[in-house]
């Protein structure tokens, strides 16, 4: 019996990475993976790449949480997998997802963060992400998020936040209901190469701390940058 898992990928000028992300979508003989690209107004070839790949395309206002919510609402599958356009799931992800959806309806799963870089800084940030997930139950969006649609809808889904939309949702899921999945999410290191393997994590941590202190995401968006 085939089960469907909706893949939702928000995009904004993601032409450089989207093709690779779509090519790396998981596969499994007992799972179907209908895919929706939710585009926030790309001016490059993002939409053309998606249409050539034969996936659904919907549009939403530019932002973070809004496109994710719009993409989720466009599907009907009993499971949803949220991915970033610069993240590629690695070999074996289909089998891991199949095991999860057979037995874990009341929880949400996230993948192991890896960067497409051989630099030592990449390994340090990966270890930091693993520690953050173990200690605080805070996987970020670039690690993917897999959950049943009823669970997602009970929690109220993604809120239309310009930043911290992933933290907002995983806090509602709760640390005890988050499951690490035994597969890698290979993510672009472009921002870290541009900003530095020290400065970028410090900026992220500063934004996270200020968010927990009550600073509105609209204000934090200016600090976070692109």
Protein backbone atom coordinates (compact mmCIF):
# COMPACT_ATOMS: atom_id res chain seq x y z
CA UNK A 1 0.00 0.00 0.00
CA UNK A 2 1.42 3.38 -1.05
CA UNK A 3 1.45 6.32 1.36
CA UNK A 4 1.90 9.89 0.15
CA UNK A 5 4.25 12.44 1.67
CA UNK A 6 3.84 16.01 0.43
CA UNK A 7 7.21 17.71 -0.02
CA UNK A 8 6.96 21.49 0.46
CA UNK A 9 9.85 23.68 -0.68
CA UNK A 10 9.63 27.49 -0.29
CA UNK A 11 11.66 29.43 -2.85
CA UNK A 12 12.88 32.91 -3.63
CA UNK A 13 15.45 33.25 -6.42
CA UNK A 14 16.57 29.68 -5.77
CA UNK A 15 17.49 28.79 -9.33
CA UNK A 16 21.11 27.98 -8.48
CA UNK A 17 20.18 25.20 -6.05
CA UNK A 18 16.62 24.08 -6.76
CA UNK A 19 17.44 21.67 -9.56
CA UNK A 20 19.82 19.71 -7.34
CA UNK A 21 17.34 19.70 -4.47
CA UNK A 22 14.59 18.32 -6.67
CA UNK A 23 16.90 15.68 -8.15
CA UNK A 24 17.77 14.51 -4.62
CA UNK A 25 14.18 14.04 -3.47
CA UNK A 26 13.73 10.80 -1.53
CA UNK A 27 12.36 7.69 -3.17
CA UNK A 28 10.80 4.51 -1.80
CA UNK A 29 8.65 1.79 -3.41
CA UNK A 30 5.87 2.25 -0.86
CA UNK A 31 5.88 6.05 -0.73
CA UNK A 32 4.80 8.74 -3.17
CA UNK A 33 6.36 12.19 -2.88
CA UNK A 34 4.17 14.83 -4.60
CA UNK A 35 6.09 18.08 -4.46
CA UNK A 36 4.96 21.70 -4.21
CA UNK A 37 7.21 24.69 -4.78
CA UNK A 38 5.83 27.77 -3.05
CA UNK A 39 7.49 30.77 -4.64
CA UNK A 40 7.71 34.17 -3.02
CA UNK A 41 8.28 36.19 -6.20
CA UNK A 42 11.47 34.87 -7.79
CA UNK A 43 13.00 36.91 -10.59
CA UNK A 44 15.36 34.20 -11.79
CA UNK A 45 14.59 30.80 -13.36
CA UNK A 46 13.29 29.17 -10.17
CA UNK A 47 9.73 28.70 -11.41
CA UNK A 48 10.88 27.46 -14.83
CA UNK A 49 13.13 24.85 -13.17
CA UNK A 50 10.25 23.66 -11.00
CA UNK A 51 7.90 23.35 -13.95
CA UNK A 52 10.47 21.47 -16.02
CA UNK A 53 10.77 19.03 -13.12
CA UNK A 54 7.02 18.48 -13.23
CA UNK A 55 6.27 19.68 -9.71
CA UNK A 56 3.40 21.91 -8.61
CA UNK A 57 4.05 25.63 -8.24
CA UNK A 58 2.03 27.99 -6.07
CA UNK A 59 2.78 31.59 -5.16
CA UNK A 60 2.77 33.51 -1.89
CA UNK A 61 3.99 36.81 -0.56
CA UNK A 62 7.72 36.85 0.08
CA UNK A 63 8.69 35.81 3.57
CA UNK A 64 9.46 32.69 5.58
CA UNK A 65 6.46 31.27 7.41
CA UNK A 66 3.84 32.40 4.90
CA UNK A 67 5.16 30.45 1.90
CA UNK A 68 5.60 27.32 4.03
CA UNK A 69 2.00 27.55 5.21
CA UNK A 70 0.76 28.17 1.65
CA UNK A 71 2.72 25.20 0.31
CA UNK A 72 1.38 22.91 3.02
CA UNK A 73 -2.19 23.99 2.36
CA UNK A 74 -1.80 23.17 -1.33
CA UNK A 75 -1.37 19.44 -0.66
CA UNK A 76 -3.57 16.67 0.68
CA UNK A 77 -1.15 13.89 1.62
CA UNK A 78 -1.35 12.52 5.18
CA UNK A 79 2.32 13.43 5.75
CA UNK A 80 4.32 16.59 5.03
CA UNK A 81 8.06 17.01 4.57
CA UNK A 82 9.31 20.60 4.64
CA UNK A 83 12.64 21.18 2.91
CA UNK A 84 14.73 24.17 1.91
CA UNK A 85 15.64 24.77 -1.71
CA UNK A 86 19.36 24.56 -0.94
CA UNK A 87 19.11 21.27 0.98
CA UNK A 88 19.61 17.84 -0.57
CA UNK A 89 18.58 14.71 1.27
CA UNK A 90 21.25 12.06 1.04
CA UNK A 91 21.09 8.38 0.11
CA UNK A 92 18.83 6.28 2.30
CA UNK A 93 16.46 9.08 3.26
CA UNK A 94 13.52 7.30 1.61
CA UNK A 95 13.96 4.23 3.82
CA UNK A 96 14.28 6.40 6.93
CA UNK A 97 11.10 8.31 6.06
CA UNK A 98 9.23 5.06 5.39
CA UNK A 99 10.10 3.71 8.84
CA UNK A 100 9.08 6.97 10.47
CA UNK A 101 5.66 7.26 8.81
CA UNK A 102 4.83 3.65 9.70
CA UNK A 103 5.27 4.18 13.41
CA UNK A 104 5.54 7.80 14.54
CA UNK A 105 2.36 9.71 13.75
CA UNK A 106 2.37 11.80 16.93
CA UNK A 107 5.90 13.18 16.53
CA UNK A 108 8.01 15.14 14.06
CA UNK A 109 11.34 14.12 12.56
CA UNK A 110 14.36 16.12 11.47
CA UNK A 111 17.53 15.19 9.60
CA UNK A 112 21.20 15.41 10.52
CA UNK A 113 22.75 18.68 9.33
CA UNK A 114 25.70 18.46 6.94
CA UNK A 115 27.26 21.23 4.84
CA UNK A 116 28.61 20.96 1.30
CA UNK A 117 32.02 22.15 2.50
CA UNK A 118 35.25 20.44 3.58
CA UNK A 119 36.26 23.35 5.81
CA UNK A 120 36.88 22.71 9.50
CA UNK A 121 34.34 25.40 10.34
CA UNK A 122 31.62 23.34 8.70
CA UNK A 123 32.30 20.42 11.03
CA UNK A 124 32.19 22.72 14.06
CA UNK A 125 28.83 24.18 13.07
CA UNK A 126 27.46 20.69 12.39
CA UNK A 127 28.49 19.58 15.88
CA UNK A 128 26.95 22.73 17.34
CA UNK A 129 23.67 21.99 15.52
CA UNK A 130 23.65 18.40 16.82
CA UNK A 131 24.23 19.65 20.38
CA UNK A 132 21.49 22.29 20.04
CA UNK A 133 19.02 19.62 18.90
CA UNK A 134 19.94 17.18 21.68
CA UNK A 135 20.03 19.74 24.44
CA UNK A 136 17.20 22.09 23.54
CA UNK A 137 15.09 20.34 20.89
CA UNK A 138 15.69 23.13 18.35
CA UNK A 139 16.36 21.82 14.85
CA UNK A 140 16.38 24.56 12.21
CA UNK A 141 14.55 24.54 8.91
CA UNK A 142 17.62 23.52 6.91
CA UNK A 143 17.43 20.13 8.65
CA UNK A 144 14.01 19.43 7.18
CA UNK A 145 10.86 18.67 9.16
CA UNK A 146 8.65 15.60 8.69
CA UNK A 147 5.28 15.27 10.41
CA UNK A 148 1.78 14.02 9.84
CA UNK A 149 -0.68 16.49 8.40
CA UNK A 150 -3.18 16.06 11.28
CA UNK A 151 -0.41 16.81 13.78
CA UNK A 152 0.70 19.85 11.78
CA UNK A 153 -2.84 21.16 11.59
CA UNK A 154 -3.54 20.57 15.31
CA UNK A 155 -0.53 22.73 16.12
CA UNK A 156 -1.77 25.53 13.88
CA UNK A 157 0.95 25.09 11.22
CA UNK A 158 3.54 27.65 10.25
CA UNK A 159 2.74 31.21 11.25
CA UNK A 160 3.39 34.05 8.78
CA UNK A 161 6.61 35.18 10.44
CA UNK A 162 9.48 36.82 8.50
CA UNK A 163 12.03 34.91 10.63
CA UNK A 164 12.10 32.23 13.35
CA UNK A 165 9.15 30.45 11.76
CA UNK A 166 10.98 27.13 12.23
CA UNK A 167 11.80 27.80 15.89
CA UNK A 168 8.22 28.91 16.52
CA UNK A 169 6.83 25.64 15.15
CA UNK A 170 9.31 23.25 16.77
CA UNK A 171 8.70 24.89 20.15
CA UNK A 172 5.01 24.09 19.73
CA UNK A 173 5.91 20.53 18.73
CA UNK A 174 7.95 20.19 21.91
CA UNK A 175 11.33 18.66 22.58
CA UNK A 176 9.88 15.27 23.62
CA UNK A 177 8.02 14.98 20.32
CA UNK A 178 11.03 15.64 18.06
CA UNK A 179 12.88 12.64 16.61
CA UNK A 180 16.34 12.75 14.97
CA UNK A 181 16.26 10.87 11.65
CA UNK A 182 19.23 8.75 10.60
CA UNK A 183 19.95 10.49 7.30
CA UNK A 184 21.88 13.58 6.23
CA UNK A 185 20.44 16.86 5.00
CA UNK A 186 23.29 18.27 2.89
CA UNK A 187 22.87 22.04 2.98
CA UNK A 188 24.55 24.87 1.11
CA UNK A 189 27.37 26.56 3.00
CA UNK A 190 27.14 29.72 0.87
CA UNK A 191 26.06 32.01 3.72
CA UNK A 192 28.82 30.72 5.98
CA UNK A 193 31.47 31.11 3.29
CA UNK A 194 30.27 34.68 2.74
CA UNK A 195 29.88 35.72 6.38
CA UNK A 196 32.42 33.45 8.05
CA UNK A 197 32.17 30.22 10.05
CA UNK A 198 32.37 32.19 13.28
CA UNK A 199 30.37 35.33 12.52
CA UNK A 200 27.38 33.59 10.92
CA UNK A 201 26.72 31.22 13.87
CA UNK A 202 27.17 34.13 16.29
CA UNK A 203 24.62 36.16 14.33
CA UNK A 204 22.20 33.22 14.35
CA UNK A 205 22.68 32.73 18.09
CA UNK A 206 22.16 36.43 18.74
CA UNK A 207 18.91 36.39 16.79
CA UNK A 208 17.74 33.28 18.64
CA UNK A 209 18.56 34.81 22.04
CA UNK A 210 16.80 38.07 21.20
CA UNK A 211 13.78 36.13 19.93
CA UNK A 212 13.51 34.24 23.22
CA UNK A 213 13.83 37.61 24.98
CA UNK A 214 10.75 38.85 23.13
CA UNK A 215 12.21 40.88 20.25
CA UNK A 216 9.74 40.70 17.32
CA UNK A 217 10.83 38.64 14.28
CA UNK A 218 10.24 41.70 12.09
CA UNK A 219 13.04 43.47 13.96
CA UNK A 220 15.31 40.44 13.96
CA UNK A 221 14.99 40.06 10.18
CA UNK A 222 17.14 43.16 9.67
CA UNK A 223 19.87 41.76 11.92
CA UNK A 224 19.78 38.30 10.36
CA UNK A 225 20.40 39.52 6.80
CA UNK A 226 20.19 37.14 3.86
